N, C-alpha and C. Protein backbone atom coordinates (compact mmCIF):
# COMPACT_ATOMS: atom_id res chain seq x y z
N MET A 1 -1.88 -14.63 17.91
CA MET A 1 -0.50 -14.88 17.52
C MET A 1 -0.32 -14.52 16.04
N TYR A 2 0.75 -13.83 15.75
CA TYR A 2 1.00 -13.39 14.39
C TYR A 2 1.70 -14.49 13.60
N THR A 3 1.38 -14.54 12.31
CA THR A 3 2.05 -15.50 11.43
C THR A 3 3.38 -14.93 10.97
N GLU A 4 4.16 -15.75 10.33
CA GLU A 4 5.46 -15.31 9.81
C GLU A 4 5.36 -14.83 8.38
N ARG A 5 4.17 -14.41 7.99
CA ARG A 5 3.95 -13.82 6.66
C ARG A 5 2.95 -12.69 6.84
N PHE A 6 3.24 -11.56 6.24
CA PHE A 6 2.35 -10.40 6.32
C PHE A 6 1.92 -10.04 4.91
N ARG A 7 0.62 -9.87 4.70
CA ARG A 7 0.08 -9.66 3.36
C ARG A 7 -0.48 -8.24 3.24
N ILE A 8 0.10 -7.46 2.33
CA ILE A 8 -0.35 -6.10 2.06
C ILE A 8 -1.06 -6.07 0.72
N LEU A 9 -2.25 -5.50 0.72
CA LEU A 9 -3.03 -5.34 -0.51
C LEU A 9 -3.15 -3.84 -0.81
N PHE A 10 -2.74 -3.44 -2.02
CA PHE A 10 -2.90 -2.07 -2.47
C PHE A 10 -4.13 -2.02 -3.38
N VAL A 11 -4.96 -1.01 -3.18
CA VAL A 11 -6.21 -0.91 -3.93
C VAL A 11 -6.35 0.48 -4.52
N CYS A 12 -6.66 0.54 -5.81
CA CYS A 12 -7.03 1.81 -6.45
C CYS A 12 -8.31 1.56 -7.25
N HIS A 13 -8.64 2.47 -8.14
CA HIS A 13 -9.90 2.36 -8.88
C HIS A 13 -9.90 1.19 -9.87
N ALA A 14 -8.99 1.21 -10.83
CA ALA A 14 -9.00 0.21 -11.90
C ALA A 14 -7.86 -0.80 -11.83
N ASN A 15 -6.99 -0.66 -10.83
CA ASN A 15 -5.82 -1.54 -10.70
C ASN A 15 -4.92 -1.45 -11.93
N LEU A 16 -4.85 -0.24 -12.50
CA LEU A 16 -4.02 -0.01 -13.68
C LEU A 16 -2.82 0.89 -13.40
N CYS A 17 -2.98 1.90 -12.56
CA CYS A 17 -1.95 2.93 -12.40
C CYS A 17 -1.35 2.95 -10.99
N ARG A 18 -2.13 3.40 -10.02
CA ARG A 18 -1.59 3.65 -8.68
C ARG A 18 -1.28 2.37 -7.91
N SER A 19 -2.21 1.43 -7.85
CA SER A 19 -1.95 0.23 -7.07
C SER A 19 -0.86 -0.66 -7.66
N PRO A 20 -0.74 -0.79 -9.00
CA PRO A 20 0.41 -1.53 -9.52
C PRO A 20 1.75 -0.85 -9.18
N LEU A 21 1.78 0.49 -9.26
CA LEU A 21 2.99 1.21 -8.85
C LEU A 21 3.31 0.89 -7.40
N ALA A 22 2.30 0.98 -6.54
CA ALA A 22 2.53 0.73 -5.11
C ALA A 22 3.00 -0.70 -4.86
N GLU A 23 2.39 -1.65 -5.55
CA GLU A 23 2.77 -3.06 -5.37
C GLU A 23 4.24 -3.29 -5.72
N ARG A 24 4.65 -2.83 -6.89
CA ARG A 24 6.02 -3.06 -7.32
C ARG A 24 7.03 -2.22 -6.53
N LEU A 25 6.67 -0.98 -6.18
CA LEU A 25 7.57 -0.15 -5.38
C LEU A 25 7.70 -0.70 -3.96
N ALA A 26 6.63 -1.26 -3.42
CA ALA A 26 6.70 -1.85 -2.08
C ALA A 26 7.64 -3.05 -2.07
N ARG A 27 7.58 -3.86 -3.11
CA ARG A 27 8.51 -5.00 -3.18
C ARG A 27 9.96 -4.49 -3.13
N ARG A 28 10.24 -3.44 -3.88
CA ARG A 28 11.59 -2.87 -3.90
C ARG A 28 11.94 -2.29 -2.52
N ALA A 29 11.02 -1.55 -1.91
CA ALA A 29 11.29 -0.91 -0.62
C ALA A 29 11.62 -1.93 0.46
N PHE A 30 10.83 -2.99 0.55
CA PHE A 30 11.09 -4.02 1.57
C PHE A 30 12.37 -4.79 1.26
N ASP A 31 12.62 -5.07 -0.01
CA ASP A 31 13.84 -5.77 -0.39
C ASP A 31 15.07 -4.92 -0.05
N ASP A 32 15.03 -3.63 -0.39
CA ASP A 32 16.15 -2.73 -0.10
C ASP A 32 16.41 -2.61 1.39
N ALA A 33 15.34 -2.54 2.18
CA ALA A 33 15.49 -2.30 3.62
C ALA A 33 15.89 -3.55 4.39
N PHE A 34 15.38 -4.71 3.99
CA PHE A 34 15.55 -5.90 4.81
C PHE A 34 16.25 -7.06 4.11
N GLY A 35 16.53 -6.92 2.84
CA GLY A 35 17.14 -8.01 2.09
C GLY A 35 16.08 -8.97 1.58
N PRO A 36 16.44 -9.74 0.56
CA PRO A 36 15.46 -10.62 -0.09
C PRO A 36 14.80 -11.64 0.83
N ALA A 37 15.55 -12.21 1.76
CA ALA A 37 14.98 -13.26 2.62
C ALA A 37 13.89 -12.69 3.52
N ALA A 38 14.19 -11.59 4.22
CA ALA A 38 13.20 -11.00 5.11
C ALA A 38 12.04 -10.40 4.31
N ALA A 39 12.36 -9.77 3.18
CA ALA A 39 11.32 -9.17 2.35
C ALA A 39 10.36 -10.22 1.82
N ALA A 40 10.83 -11.44 1.64
CA ALA A 40 9.96 -12.51 1.14
C ALA A 40 8.85 -12.85 2.13
N SER A 41 9.00 -12.44 3.38
CA SER A 41 7.96 -12.70 4.38
C SER A 41 6.85 -11.65 4.33
N VAL A 42 6.99 -10.68 3.42
CA VAL A 42 5.95 -9.68 3.20
C VAL A 42 5.42 -9.87 1.78
N ALA A 43 4.19 -10.30 1.66
CA ALA A 43 3.56 -10.51 0.36
C ALA A 43 2.81 -9.24 -0.02
N VAL A 44 3.05 -8.73 -1.22
CA VAL A 44 2.34 -7.55 -1.69
C VAL A 44 1.57 -7.89 -2.96
N SER A 45 0.36 -7.35 -3.05
CA SER A 45 -0.47 -7.56 -4.23
C SER A 45 -1.35 -6.33 -4.40
N SER A 46 -2.15 -6.32 -5.44
CA SER A 46 -3.01 -5.18 -5.67
C SER A 46 -4.31 -5.61 -6.34
N ALA A 47 -5.27 -4.70 -6.30
CA ALA A 47 -6.58 -4.94 -6.90
C ALA A 47 -7.24 -3.59 -7.12
N GLY A 48 -8.36 -3.60 -7.82
CA GLY A 48 -9.09 -2.37 -8.08
C GLY A 48 -10.56 -2.51 -7.75
N THR A 49 -11.16 -1.45 -7.28
CA THR A 49 -12.58 -1.49 -6.96
C THR A 49 -13.44 -1.58 -8.22
N ARG A 50 -12.92 -1.10 -9.35
CA ARG A 50 -13.65 -1.14 -10.62
C ARG A 50 -12.76 -1.70 -11.74
N ALA A 51 -11.95 -2.67 -11.41
CA ALA A 51 -11.01 -3.23 -12.38
C ALA A 51 -11.69 -4.16 -13.36
N TYR A 52 -11.12 -4.23 -14.58
CA TYR A 52 -11.47 -5.25 -15.55
C TYR A 52 -10.40 -6.32 -15.44
N PRO A 53 -10.71 -7.48 -14.87
CA PRO A 53 -9.69 -8.49 -14.60
C PRO A 53 -8.93 -8.93 -15.85
N GLY A 54 -7.62 -9.12 -15.66
CA GLY A 54 -6.77 -9.65 -16.71
C GLY A 54 -6.11 -8.63 -17.60
N SER A 55 -6.31 -7.34 -17.33
CA SER A 55 -5.68 -6.30 -18.16
C SER A 55 -4.24 -6.06 -17.70
N PRO A 56 -3.38 -5.59 -18.60
CA PRO A 56 -2.02 -5.25 -18.19
C PRO A 56 -2.00 -3.91 -17.44
N MET A 57 -0.93 -3.66 -16.78
CA MET A 57 -0.69 -2.38 -16.13
C MET A 57 -0.72 -1.26 -17.16
N HIS A 58 -1.10 -0.06 -16.73
CA HIS A 58 -1.09 1.10 -17.62
C HIS A 58 0.33 1.34 -18.14
N PRO A 59 0.49 1.67 -19.42
CA PRO A 59 1.83 1.90 -19.97
C PRO A 59 2.62 2.98 -19.23
N GLY A 60 1.93 4.00 -18.71
CA GLY A 60 2.63 5.05 -17.95
C GLY A 60 3.25 4.51 -16.68
N SER A 61 2.52 3.66 -15.96
CA SER A 61 3.07 3.04 -14.75
C SER A 61 4.23 2.13 -15.10
N ALA A 62 4.07 1.35 -16.17
CA ALA A 62 5.14 0.45 -16.60
C ALA A 62 6.39 1.23 -16.98
N GLU A 63 6.21 2.36 -17.67
CA GLU A 63 7.36 3.17 -18.08
C GLU A 63 8.10 3.73 -16.87
N VAL A 64 7.36 4.24 -15.90
CA VAL A 64 7.99 4.81 -14.71
C VAL A 64 8.70 3.74 -13.89
N LEU A 65 8.09 2.57 -13.77
CA LEU A 65 8.77 1.48 -13.07
C LEU A 65 10.07 1.12 -13.79
N GLY A 66 10.03 1.07 -15.11
CA GLY A 66 11.24 0.79 -15.88
C GLY A 66 12.32 1.82 -15.63
N GLU A 67 11.94 3.09 -15.52
CA GLU A 67 12.90 4.15 -15.21
C GLU A 67 13.54 3.93 -13.84
N CYS A 68 12.81 3.26 -12.96
CA CYS A 68 13.33 2.96 -11.61
C CYS A 68 14.09 1.63 -11.56
N GLY A 69 14.18 0.95 -12.71
CA GLY A 69 14.85 -0.35 -12.75
C GLY A 69 14.03 -1.46 -12.15
N ILE A 70 12.70 -1.30 -12.17
CA ILE A 70 11.79 -2.29 -11.59
C ILE A 70 11.00 -2.95 -12.72
N GLU A 71 10.96 -4.25 -12.71
CA GLU A 71 10.26 -5.03 -13.73
C GLU A 71 8.75 -4.83 -13.61
N SER A 72 8.10 -4.60 -14.73
CA SER A 72 6.65 -4.42 -14.72
C SER A 72 5.91 -5.58 -15.38
N GLY A 73 6.64 -6.50 -15.98
CA GLY A 73 6.03 -7.62 -16.69
C GLY A 73 5.30 -8.58 -15.77
N GLY A 74 4.37 -9.31 -16.35
CA GLY A 74 3.64 -10.34 -15.62
C GLY A 74 2.48 -9.83 -14.79
N PHE A 75 2.24 -8.54 -14.85
CA PHE A 75 1.16 -7.98 -14.04
C PHE A 75 -0.17 -8.10 -14.78
N VAL A 76 -1.23 -8.49 -14.06
CA VAL A 76 -2.59 -8.45 -14.58
C VAL A 76 -3.52 -7.90 -13.52
N THR A 77 -4.50 -7.13 -13.94
CA THR A 77 -5.44 -6.52 -13.02
C THR A 77 -6.40 -7.55 -12.43
N ARG A 78 -6.95 -7.18 -11.28
CA ARG A 78 -8.01 -8.00 -10.69
C ARG A 78 -8.92 -7.07 -9.89
N THR A 79 -10.12 -7.55 -9.66
CA THR A 79 -11.12 -6.79 -8.93
C THR A 79 -11.08 -7.20 -7.46
N VAL A 80 -11.13 -6.21 -6.59
CA VAL A 80 -11.16 -6.51 -5.16
C VAL A 80 -12.51 -7.15 -4.82
N ASP A 81 -12.47 -8.13 -3.93
CA ASP A 81 -13.71 -8.76 -3.46
C ASP A 81 -13.53 -9.15 -1.99
N VAL A 82 -14.55 -9.70 -1.41
CA VAL A 82 -14.51 -10.03 0.02
C VAL A 82 -13.36 -10.97 0.34
N GLY A 83 -13.13 -11.97 -0.51
CA GLY A 83 -12.06 -12.93 -0.28
C GLY A 83 -10.69 -12.31 -0.32
N VAL A 84 -10.47 -11.42 -1.29
CA VAL A 84 -9.19 -10.73 -1.41
C VAL A 84 -8.94 -9.88 -0.17
N LEU A 85 -9.97 -9.18 0.30
CA LEU A 85 -9.84 -8.35 1.50
C LEU A 85 -9.61 -9.20 2.74
N ALA A 86 -10.28 -10.34 2.83
CA ALA A 86 -10.12 -11.22 3.99
C ALA A 86 -8.70 -11.78 4.08
N ASP A 87 -8.05 -11.97 2.94
CA ASP A 87 -6.70 -12.52 2.92
C ASP A 87 -5.62 -11.51 3.30
N ALA A 88 -5.96 -10.22 3.32
CA ALA A 88 -4.96 -9.18 3.56
C ALA A 88 -4.85 -8.83 5.05
N ASP A 89 -3.62 -8.69 5.50
CA ASP A 89 -3.38 -8.20 6.87
C ASP A 89 -3.45 -6.68 6.93
N LEU A 90 -3.22 -6.03 5.79
CA LEU A 90 -3.25 -4.58 5.70
C LEU A 90 -3.73 -4.21 4.29
N VAL A 91 -4.71 -3.33 4.23
CA VAL A 91 -5.23 -2.84 2.96
C VAL A 91 -4.89 -1.36 2.87
N LEU A 92 -4.12 -1.00 1.85
CA LEU A 92 -3.72 0.39 1.64
C LEU A 92 -4.30 0.87 0.32
N THR A 93 -5.19 1.84 0.40
CA THR A 93 -5.88 2.31 -0.79
C THR A 93 -5.26 3.60 -1.31
N ALA A 94 -5.52 3.89 -2.57
CA ALA A 94 -5.01 5.12 -3.17
C ALA A 94 -5.75 6.33 -2.64
N ALA A 95 -7.04 6.19 -2.38
CA ALA A 95 -7.84 7.33 -1.96
C ALA A 95 -8.94 6.89 -1.00
N ARG A 96 -9.56 7.89 -0.38
CA ARG A 96 -10.62 7.61 0.59
C ARG A 96 -11.81 6.91 -0.07
N GLU A 97 -12.05 7.19 -1.33
CA GLU A 97 -13.14 6.54 -2.05
C GLU A 97 -12.95 5.02 -2.08
N GLN A 98 -11.74 4.57 -2.36
CA GLN A 98 -11.47 3.12 -2.37
C GLN A 98 -11.49 2.54 -0.95
N ARG A 99 -11.03 3.32 0.02
CA ARG A 99 -11.09 2.85 1.41
C ARG A 99 -12.55 2.60 1.79
N ALA A 100 -13.42 3.54 1.48
CA ALA A 100 -14.84 3.39 1.79
C ALA A 100 -15.43 2.18 1.09
N ALA A 101 -15.05 1.97 -0.17
CA ALA A 101 -15.57 0.81 -0.92
C ALA A 101 -15.13 -0.50 -0.29
N CYS A 102 -13.87 -0.56 0.14
CA CYS A 102 -13.36 -1.79 0.75
C CYS A 102 -14.05 -2.07 2.09
N VAL A 103 -14.21 -1.04 2.89
CA VAL A 103 -14.84 -1.22 4.20
C VAL A 103 -16.32 -1.55 4.06
N THR A 104 -16.97 -1.01 3.04
CA THR A 104 -18.37 -1.35 2.77
C THR A 104 -18.47 -2.82 2.37
N LEU A 105 -17.53 -3.26 1.55
CA LEU A 105 -17.52 -4.64 1.08
C LEU A 105 -17.19 -5.62 2.20
N ALA A 106 -16.26 -5.23 3.07
CA ALA A 106 -15.81 -6.10 4.16
C ALA A 106 -15.69 -5.27 5.44
N PRO A 107 -16.80 -5.04 6.15
CA PRO A 107 -16.75 -4.19 7.35
C PRO A 107 -15.73 -4.64 8.39
N GLY A 108 -15.44 -5.91 8.44
CA GLY A 108 -14.46 -6.43 9.39
C GLY A 108 -13.04 -5.97 9.12
N ALA A 109 -12.81 -5.39 7.95
CA ALA A 109 -11.47 -4.92 7.58
C ALA A 109 -11.22 -3.48 7.99
N VAL A 110 -12.15 -2.85 8.67
CA VAL A 110 -12.06 -1.41 8.95
C VAL A 110 -10.80 -1.03 9.72
N ARG A 111 -10.36 -1.86 10.66
CA ARG A 111 -9.19 -1.50 11.48
C ARG A 111 -7.86 -1.82 10.81
N ARG A 112 -7.92 -2.37 9.60
CA ARG A 112 -6.69 -2.65 8.86
C ARG A 112 -6.74 -2.10 7.45
N THR A 113 -7.61 -1.11 7.25
CA THR A 113 -7.76 -0.48 5.94
C THR A 113 -7.56 1.02 6.07
N PHE A 114 -6.62 1.54 5.30
CA PHE A 114 -6.24 2.95 5.35
C PHE A 114 -5.90 3.41 3.93
N THR A 115 -5.87 4.72 3.72
CA THR A 115 -5.22 5.17 2.49
C THR A 115 -3.72 5.06 2.75
N LEU A 116 -2.94 4.94 1.69
CA LEU A 116 -1.49 4.83 1.82
C LEU A 116 -0.91 6.05 2.53
N ARG A 117 -1.33 7.23 2.12
CA ARG A 117 -0.82 8.45 2.75
C ARG A 117 -1.22 8.52 4.23
N GLN A 118 -2.45 8.14 4.54
CA GLN A 118 -2.92 8.15 5.92
C GLN A 118 -2.09 7.20 6.78
N PHE A 119 -1.84 6.00 6.26
CA PHE A 119 -1.08 5.01 7.02
C PHE A 119 0.33 5.52 7.31
N ALA A 120 0.97 6.12 6.31
CA ALA A 120 2.32 6.67 6.52
C ALA A 120 2.29 7.80 7.55
N ARG A 121 1.29 8.66 7.47
CA ARG A 121 1.16 9.78 8.41
C ARG A 121 0.96 9.28 9.83
N LEU A 122 0.15 8.25 9.99
CA LEU A 122 -0.11 7.69 11.32
C LEU A 122 1.06 6.86 11.84
N ALA A 123 1.81 6.23 10.94
CA ALA A 123 2.92 5.36 11.35
C ALA A 123 3.95 6.10 12.20
N VAL A 124 4.22 7.35 11.84
CA VAL A 124 5.24 8.10 12.59
C VAL A 124 4.75 8.50 13.99
N ALA A 125 3.46 8.33 14.25
CA ALA A 125 2.91 8.67 15.57
C ALA A 125 2.95 7.50 16.55
N VAL A 126 3.33 6.32 16.07
CA VAL A 126 3.39 5.14 16.94
C VAL A 126 4.64 5.25 17.80
N PRO A 127 4.47 5.35 19.12
CA PRO A 127 5.61 5.66 19.98
C PRO A 127 6.50 4.47 20.34
N ALA A 128 5.95 3.29 20.43
CA ALA A 128 6.71 2.15 20.96
C ALA A 128 7.58 1.50 19.90
N ALA A 129 8.67 0.89 20.35
CA ALA A 129 9.51 0.09 19.46
C ALA A 129 8.71 -1.12 19.00
N LEU A 130 9.02 -1.59 17.82
CA LEU A 130 8.31 -2.73 17.25
C LEU A 130 9.27 -3.91 17.17
N PRO A 131 9.21 -4.82 18.13
CA PRO A 131 10.16 -5.94 18.14
C PRO A 131 9.75 -7.07 17.20
N GLY A 132 10.69 -7.96 16.97
CA GLY A 132 10.40 -9.18 16.25
C GLY A 132 10.79 -9.15 14.79
N THR A 133 10.25 -10.10 14.05
CA THR A 133 10.49 -10.23 12.63
C THR A 133 9.78 -9.10 11.88
N VAL A 134 10.06 -8.98 10.61
CA VAL A 134 9.39 -7.95 9.81
C VAL A 134 7.87 -8.12 9.84
N PRO A 135 7.32 -9.32 9.65
CA PRO A 135 5.85 -9.46 9.76
C PRO A 135 5.34 -9.09 11.16
N GLN A 136 6.06 -9.48 12.20
CA GLN A 136 5.62 -9.13 13.56
C GLN A 136 5.65 -7.62 13.77
N ARG A 137 6.65 -6.95 13.21
CA ARG A 137 6.72 -5.49 13.32
C ARG A 137 5.56 -4.84 12.58
N LEU A 138 5.21 -5.36 11.41
CA LEU A 138 4.10 -4.81 10.65
C LEU A 138 2.78 -5.00 11.39
N HIS A 139 2.57 -6.19 11.95
CA HIS A 139 1.37 -6.41 12.77
C HIS A 139 1.34 -5.43 13.94
N GLY A 140 2.49 -5.26 14.59
CA GLY A 140 2.59 -4.33 15.70
C GLY A 140 2.32 -2.89 15.28
N LEU A 141 2.76 -2.54 14.08
CA LEU A 141 2.52 -1.19 13.58
C LEU A 141 1.02 -0.95 13.34
N VAL A 142 0.34 -1.92 12.76
CA VAL A 142 -1.11 -1.78 12.55
C VAL A 142 -1.81 -1.63 13.90
N ASP A 143 -1.43 -2.46 14.87
CA ASP A 143 -2.03 -2.35 16.21
C ASP A 143 -1.73 -0.99 16.83
N GLY A 144 -0.47 -0.54 16.69
CA GLY A 144 -0.07 0.74 17.24
C GLY A 144 -0.81 1.91 16.61
N ILE A 145 -1.00 1.84 15.32
CA ILE A 145 -1.74 2.91 14.62
C ILE A 145 -3.18 2.96 15.11
N ASN A 146 -3.80 1.81 15.29
CA ASN A 146 -5.17 1.81 15.79
C ASN A 146 -5.25 2.36 17.22
N ALA A 147 -4.17 2.20 17.98
CA ALA A 147 -4.15 2.72 19.35
C ALA A 147 -3.99 4.24 19.39
N VAL A 148 -3.29 4.82 18.38
CA VAL A 148 -3.01 6.26 18.43
C VAL A 148 -3.80 7.09 17.42
N ARG A 149 -4.50 6.47 16.52
CA ARG A 149 -5.11 7.22 15.42
C ARG A 149 -6.05 8.32 15.90
N HIS A 150 -6.70 8.12 17.04
CA HIS A 150 -7.61 9.16 17.56
C HIS A 150 -6.85 10.36 18.12
N THR A 151 -5.55 10.23 18.34
CA THR A 151 -4.76 11.34 18.90
C THR A 151 -4.07 12.17 17.82
N VAL A 152 -4.09 11.67 16.58
CA VAL A 152 -3.41 12.36 15.48
C VAL A 152 -4.42 13.28 14.79
N PRO A 153 -4.08 14.56 14.65
CA PRO A 153 -5.03 15.48 14.00
C PRO A 153 -5.36 15.04 12.57
N ALA A 154 -6.62 15.22 12.23
CA ALA A 154 -7.05 14.91 10.87
C ALA A 154 -6.47 15.94 9.91
N VAL A 155 -6.33 15.54 8.66
CA VAL A 155 -5.86 16.48 7.64
C VAL A 155 -7.05 16.92 6.81
N PRO A 156 -6.98 18.10 6.25
CA PRO A 156 -8.12 18.60 5.50
C PRO A 156 -8.33 17.89 4.16
N GLY A 157 -9.60 17.80 3.80
CA GLY A 157 -9.99 17.35 2.47
C GLY A 157 -9.31 16.10 1.96
N ASP A 158 -8.70 16.25 0.77
CA ASP A 158 -8.16 15.09 0.07
C ASP A 158 -6.66 14.89 0.28
N GLU A 159 -6.09 15.42 1.35
CA GLU A 159 -4.64 15.27 1.56
C GLU A 159 -4.20 13.83 1.76
N ASP A 160 -5.12 12.97 2.17
CA ASP A 160 -4.78 11.55 2.32
C ASP A 160 -4.98 10.78 1.02
N ASP A 161 -5.42 11.45 -0.04
CA ASP A 161 -5.66 10.80 -1.33
C ASP A 161 -4.45 10.94 -2.25
N LEU A 162 -4.18 9.91 -3.01
CA LEU A 162 -3.12 9.89 -4.00
C LEU A 162 -3.74 10.23 -5.36
N PRO A 163 -3.38 11.37 -5.96
CA PRO A 163 -4.00 11.74 -7.24
C PRO A 163 -3.79 10.67 -8.32
N ASP A 164 -4.83 10.48 -9.12
CA ASP A 164 -4.81 9.48 -10.18
C ASP A 164 -4.13 10.06 -11.43
N PRO A 165 -3.06 9.43 -11.92
CA PRO A 165 -2.37 9.96 -13.10
C PRO A 165 -2.98 9.54 -14.43
N VAL A 166 -4.02 8.73 -14.41
CA VAL A 166 -4.59 8.23 -15.67
C VAL A 166 -5.00 9.41 -16.56
N ASN A 167 -4.76 9.24 -17.86
CA ASN A 167 -5.04 10.27 -18.88
C ASN A 167 -4.21 11.54 -18.69
N GLN A 168 -3.10 11.42 -17.99
CA GLN A 168 -2.20 12.55 -17.77
C GLN A 168 -0.87 12.26 -18.48
N PRO A 169 -0.04 13.28 -18.66
CA PRO A 169 1.29 13.05 -19.23
C PRO A 169 2.14 12.17 -18.30
N ILE A 170 3.22 11.65 -18.82
CA ILE A 170 4.09 10.75 -18.07
C ILE A 170 4.59 11.39 -16.78
N GLU A 171 4.74 12.70 -16.77
CA GLU A 171 5.21 13.37 -15.56
C GLU A 171 4.26 13.12 -14.38
N ALA A 172 2.97 13.00 -14.64
CA ALA A 172 2.01 12.72 -13.56
C ALA A 172 2.26 11.34 -12.97
N PHE A 173 2.69 10.39 -13.79
CA PHE A 173 3.02 9.05 -13.29
C PHE A 173 4.29 9.10 -12.44
N ARG A 174 5.24 9.93 -12.86
CA ARG A 174 6.47 10.09 -12.07
C ARG A 174 6.16 10.71 -10.71
N VAL A 175 5.32 11.72 -10.70
CA VAL A 175 4.93 12.35 -9.43
C VAL A 175 4.20 11.35 -8.55
N CYS A 176 3.33 10.56 -9.14
CA CYS A 176 2.61 9.53 -8.39
C CYS A 176 3.58 8.53 -7.78
N ALA A 177 4.53 8.06 -8.57
CA ALA A 177 5.52 7.10 -8.08
C ALA A 177 6.35 7.70 -6.94
N GLU A 178 6.73 8.96 -7.07
CA GLU A 178 7.49 9.62 -6.01
C GLU A 178 6.66 9.71 -4.74
N ASP A 179 5.39 10.02 -4.88
CA ASP A 179 4.50 10.11 -3.73
C ASP A 179 4.34 8.76 -3.04
N VAL A 180 4.13 7.73 -3.85
CA VAL A 180 4.03 6.36 -3.31
C VAL A 180 5.32 5.99 -2.60
N TRP A 181 6.46 6.26 -3.24
CA TRP A 181 7.75 5.90 -2.64
C TRP A 181 7.97 6.62 -1.32
N ARG A 182 7.60 7.89 -1.26
CA ARG A 182 7.76 8.67 -0.04
C ARG A 182 6.95 8.04 1.10
N SER A 183 5.70 7.66 0.83
CA SER A 183 4.87 7.04 1.86
C SER A 183 5.43 5.68 2.28
N LEU A 184 5.83 4.88 1.29
CA LEU A 184 6.40 3.56 1.60
C LEU A 184 7.70 3.70 2.39
N SER A 185 8.52 4.67 2.04
CA SER A 185 9.78 4.88 2.75
C SER A 185 9.53 5.25 4.21
N THR A 186 8.49 6.03 4.45
CA THR A 186 8.14 6.38 5.82
C THR A 186 7.78 5.13 6.61
N VAL A 187 6.92 4.31 6.04
CA VAL A 187 6.48 3.09 6.73
C VAL A 187 7.64 2.14 6.95
N VAL A 188 8.44 1.90 5.91
CA VAL A 188 9.58 1.00 6.03
C VAL A 188 10.58 1.56 7.03
N GLY A 189 10.75 2.88 7.06
CA GLY A 189 11.65 3.50 8.02
C GLY A 189 11.22 3.24 9.45
N VAL A 190 9.94 3.30 9.72
CA VAL A 190 9.43 3.02 11.07
C VAL A 190 9.69 1.56 11.43
N ILE A 191 9.46 0.66 10.49
CA ILE A 191 9.71 -0.76 10.74
C ILE A 191 11.21 -1.03 10.93
N ALA A 192 12.02 -0.45 10.07
CA ALA A 192 13.46 -0.69 10.13
C ALA A 192 14.08 -0.13 11.41
N ALA A 193 13.52 0.97 11.91
CA ALA A 193 14.07 1.58 13.13
C ALA A 193 13.94 0.66 14.33
N ALA A 194 12.98 -0.25 14.25
CA ALA A 194 12.83 -1.20 15.37
C ALA A 194 13.99 -2.17 15.41
């Protein structure tokens, strides 16, 4: 039986650039699609496989979020661990490297751990309608993806990876945010269509 709360964990390398962008953009995407009350039933957080706990978000990510009208304050980094992974209903990583690290750390999370791009790509292949509340639809989507993932052609190389904008000009952070938003919009669109 599914709970009335769904927990999404975004993971990147240092929890400075990509996963904070994904966390804050996901909050906006769910709020825009379902309204504040329904969106409150989806908890989003982030962590890093090599994070230094307690650091602020990268200034480039904060700047891009500000350009989108999204608050970046109050964020602090944390390191992913077995407990953090166990608490998540869905783990979405920036790249395959972080996915591998998470699954190595918590093998039981393998069926609920994907790269963000991979999850969005697989989401559109789920054929059935997803009934119920937003958390129930998300649980159903994860189940549906696991049922169809073997039928979806693999993509070459690093196409499921989200490039890291660290040490790049601000434009790289904007491109990263657009990429994250595109993937999140795909997933939210599948949920909203139900």
